[in-house]
Amino acid sequence: MLHNAVVAWNIMHIGKLVEQLRAECHVIDATMLAQTTPLIRKHLNPFGRYHFDLDRMRQTGGSNRQQGPAKQL
């Protein structure tokens, strides 16, 4: 069920993004668009495992700036 919800969300947002880009006069090649898939789900974390680089967070005051890979806790 989670996968189906993610696919539906991806379809809606990919469609909105394509519409926005076309409204801004960007050319969206049909071949490139045909290779786009809503099945991407790497951005999900269904296991509740999170990785924080505590050393980096202490140095930057908790800012979101990426400065390399995080250490696994």
N, C-alpha and C. Protein backbone atom coordinates (compact mmCIF):
# COMPACT_ATOMS: atom_id res chain seq x y z
N MET A 1 0.82 -1.18 0.00
CA MET A 1 0.00 0.00 0.00
C MET A 1 0.87 1.26 0.00
N LEU A 2 1.96 1.26 0.77
CA LEU A 2 2.86 2.41 0.79
C LEU A 2 3.41 2.68 -0.61
N HIS A 3 3.81 1.61 -1.30
CA HIS A 3 4.37 1.77 -2.64
C HIS A 3 3.35 2.42 -3.57
N ASN A 4 2.11 2.00 -3.51
CA ASN A 4 1.07 2.57 -4.37
C ASN A 4 0.86 4.06 -4.07
N ALA A 5 0.89 4.43 -2.81
CA ALA A 5 0.73 5.83 -2.44
C ALA A 5 1.91 6.66 -2.96
N VAL A 6 3.10 6.11 -2.87
CA VAL A 6 4.28 6.83 -3.36
C VAL A 6 4.22 6.99 -4.87
N VAL A 7 3.82 5.97 -5.58
CA VAL A 7 3.71 6.06 -7.04
C VAL A 7 2.68 7.12 -7.42
N ALA A 8 1.55 7.14 -6.73
CA ALA A 8 0.52 8.15 -7.02
C ALA A 8 1.06 9.56 -6.75
N TRP A 9 1.76 9.73 -5.62
CA TRP A 9 2.34 11.03 -5.27
C TRP A 9 3.35 11.45 -6.32
N ASN A 10 4.22 10.51 -6.72
CA ASN A 10 5.24 10.80 -7.73
C ASN A 10 4.61 11.20 -9.06
N ILE A 11 3.56 10.51 -9.47
CA ILE A 11 2.88 10.83 -10.73
C ILE A 11 2.35 12.26 -10.69
N MET A 12 1.69 12.61 -9.59
CA MET A 12 1.12 13.96 -9.47
C MET A 12 2.21 15.02 -9.51
N HIS A 13 3.28 14.80 -8.79
CA HIS A 13 4.31 15.83 -8.70
C HIS A 13 5.20 15.89 -9.95
N ILE A 14 5.44 14.78 -10.58
CA ILE A 14 6.17 14.81 -11.85
C ILE A 14 5.34 15.56 -12.89
N GLY A 15 4.04 15.29 -12.92
CA GLY A 15 3.16 16.00 -13.86
C GLY A 15 3.15 17.50 -13.62
N LYS A 16 3.07 17.91 -12.34
CA LYS A 16 3.09 19.34 -12.01
C LYS A 16 4.42 19.98 -12.39
N LEU A 17 5.50 19.26 -12.16
CA LEU A 17 6.82 19.78 -12.51
C LEU A 17 6.96 19.96 -14.02
N VAL A 18 6.49 18.99 -14.80
CA VAL A 18 6.55 19.10 -16.25
C VAL A 18 5.70 20.28 -16.73
N GLU A 19 4.50 20.44 -16.16
CA GLU A 19 3.66 21.58 -16.52
C GLU A 19 4.35 22.90 -16.21
N GLN A 20 4.97 22.99 -15.03
CA GLN A 20 5.65 24.22 -14.63
C GLN A 20 6.81 24.53 -15.57
N LEU A 21 7.60 23.52 -15.89
CA LEU A 21 8.73 23.74 -16.79
C LEU A 21 8.27 24.17 -18.17
N ARG A 22 7.21 23.56 -18.67
CA ARG A 22 6.68 23.95 -19.98
C ARG A 22 6.12 25.37 -19.93
N ALA A 23 5.49 25.74 -18.82
CA ALA A 23 4.96 27.11 -18.68
C ALA A 23 6.09 28.13 -18.67
N GLU A 24 7.27 27.71 -18.22
CA GLU A 24 8.44 28.59 -18.21
C GLU A 24 9.22 28.49 -19.52
N CYS A 25 8.60 27.88 -20.54
CA CYS A 25 9.15 27.75 -21.90
C CYS A 25 10.34 26.81 -22.00
N HIS A 26 10.47 25.89 -21.05
CA HIS A 26 11.49 24.85 -21.17
C HIS A 26 10.98 23.77 -22.12
N VAL A 27 11.86 23.26 -22.92
CA VAL A 27 11.49 22.18 -23.84
C VAL A 27 11.65 20.86 -23.11
N ILE A 28 10.55 20.11 -23.01
CA ILE A 28 10.57 18.80 -22.37
C ILE A 28 10.46 17.78 -23.50
N ASP A 29 11.56 17.15 -23.78
CA ASP A 29 11.64 16.17 -24.86
C ASP A 29 10.77 14.95 -24.54
N ALA A 30 9.93 14.55 -25.47
CA ALA A 30 9.04 13.42 -25.25
C ALA A 30 9.81 12.13 -24.98
N THR A 31 10.97 11.98 -25.61
CA THR A 31 11.79 10.78 -25.39
C THR A 31 12.31 10.75 -23.96
N MET A 32 12.77 11.90 -23.48
CA MET A 32 13.26 11.97 -22.11
C MET A 32 12.11 11.73 -21.12
N LEU A 33 10.96 12.31 -21.39
CA LEU A 33 9.81 12.15 -20.52
C LEU A 33 9.34 10.70 -20.49
N ALA A 34 9.45 10.02 -21.62
CA ALA A 34 9.05 8.61 -21.69
C ALA A 34 9.95 7.73 -20.82
N GLN A 35 11.16 8.18 -20.54
CA GLN A 35 12.09 7.40 -19.73
C GLN A 35 11.97 7.72 -18.24
N THR A 36 11.08 8.64 -17.89
CA THR A 36 10.85 9.01 -16.50
C THR A 36 9.87 8.02 -15.88
N THR A 37 10.15 7.63 -14.65
CA THR A 37 9.27 6.66 -14.00
C THR A 37 8.82 7.16 -12.64
N PRO A 38 7.56 6.92 -12.28
CA PRO A 38 7.08 7.27 -10.95
C PRO A 38 7.41 6.19 -9.91
N LEU A 39 8.12 5.16 -10.33
CA LEU A 39 8.39 4.04 -9.43
C LEU A 39 9.59 4.26 -8.52
N ILE A 40 10.21 5.42 -8.61
CA ILE A 40 11.37 5.73 -7.78
C ILE A 40 10.90 5.84 -6.33
N ARG A 41 11.63 5.17 -5.43
CA ARG A 41 11.23 5.19 -4.03
C ARG A 41 12.43 5.23 -3.08
N LYS A 42 13.61 5.58 -3.61
CA LYS A 42 14.80 5.63 -2.76
C LYS A 42 14.69 6.70 -1.69
N HIS A 43 13.82 7.68 -1.89
CA HIS A 43 13.67 8.76 -0.93
C HIS A 43 12.84 8.34 0.28
N LEU A 44 12.32 7.11 0.29
CA LEU A 44 11.52 6.62 1.41
C LEU A 44 12.39 5.92 2.43
N ASN A 45 11.98 5.97 3.67
CA ASN A 45 12.65 5.27 4.74
C ASN A 45 11.59 4.52 5.55
N PRO A 46 11.11 3.37 5.06
CA PRO A 46 10.04 2.67 5.75
C PRO A 46 10.48 1.96 7.03
N PHE A 47 11.78 1.93 7.31
CA PHE A 47 12.28 1.19 8.46
C PHE A 47 12.53 2.08 9.68
N GLY A 48 12.39 3.38 9.53
CA GLY A 48 12.59 4.28 10.66
C GLY A 48 14.04 4.39 11.10
N ARG A 49 14.97 4.10 10.22
CA ARG A 49 16.39 4.24 10.54
C ARG A 49 16.90 5.55 9.96
N TYR A 50 17.54 6.33 10.81
CA TYR A 50 18.04 7.62 10.39
C TYR A 50 19.53 7.71 10.68
N HIS A 51 20.23 8.41 9.85
CA HIS A 51 21.68 8.55 9.99
C HIS A 51 22.01 10.03 10.19
N PHE A 52 22.70 10.32 11.27
CA PHE A 52 23.08 11.68 11.59
C PHE A 52 24.58 11.73 11.81
N ASP A 53 25.21 12.73 11.24
CA ASP A 53 26.63 12.97 11.49
C ASP A 53 26.69 13.98 12.63
N LEU A 54 26.75 13.46 13.86
CA LEU A 54 26.70 14.33 15.03
C LEU A 54 27.89 15.28 15.10
N ASP A 55 29.05 14.81 14.67
CA ASP A 55 30.22 15.70 14.67
C ASP A 55 29.99 16.89 13.75
N ARG A 56 29.50 16.63 12.56
CA ARG A 56 29.21 17.72 11.60
C ARG A 56 28.13 18.63 12.13
N MET A 57 27.09 18.07 12.75
CA MET A 57 26.01 18.89 13.28
C MET A 57 26.51 19.80 14.39
N ARG A 58 27.42 19.30 15.21
CA ARG A 58 27.98 20.13 16.28
C ARG A 58 28.81 21.27 15.69
N GLN A 59 29.55 20.97 14.62
CA GLN A 59 30.41 21.98 14.00
C GLN A 59 29.60 23.07 13.31
N THR A 60 28.49 22.69 12.70
CA THR A 60 27.70 23.64 11.92
C THR A 60 26.51 24.17 12.70
N GLY A 61 26.36 23.77 13.94
CA GLY A 61 25.23 24.23 14.73
C GLY A 61 23.92 23.61 14.29
N GLY A 62 23.97 22.42 13.67
CA GLY A 62 22.76 21.73 13.24
C GLY A 62 22.25 22.14 11.88
N SER A 63 23.04 22.90 11.14
CA SER A 63 22.60 23.35 9.82
C SER A 63 22.49 22.17 8.86
N ASN A 64 21.74 22.32 7.78
CA ASN A 64 21.49 21.25 6.82
C ASN A 64 22.58 21.11 5.77
N ARG A 65 23.61 21.92 5.78
CA ARG A 65 24.60 21.89 4.72
C ARG A 65 25.27 20.53 4.63
N GLN A 66 25.38 20.00 3.41
CA GLN A 66 26.03 18.70 3.18
C GLN A 66 27.52 18.90 3.15
N GLN A 67 28.25 18.12 3.95
CA GLN A 67 29.69 18.20 3.97
C GLN A 67 30.29 16.82 3.94
N GLY A 68 29.67 15.91 3.27
CA GLY A 68 30.20 14.55 3.19
C GLY A 68 29.21 13.56 3.77
N PRO A 69 29.55 12.26 3.69
CA PRO A 69 28.63 11.22 4.15
C PRO A 69 28.48 11.22 5.67
N ALA A 70 27.30 10.89 6.10
CA ALA A 70 27.02 10.82 7.53
C ALA A 70 27.47 9.49 8.10
N LYS A 71 27.78 9.51 9.39
CA LYS A 71 28.15 8.27 10.08
C LYS A 71 26.88 7.55 10.48
N GLN A 72 26.88 6.24 10.39
CA GLN A 72 25.71 5.46 10.77
C GLN A 72 25.68 5.29 12.28
N LEU A 73 24.53 5.54 12.88
CA LEU A 73 24.38 5.37 14.33
C LEU A 73 23.89 3.98 14.64
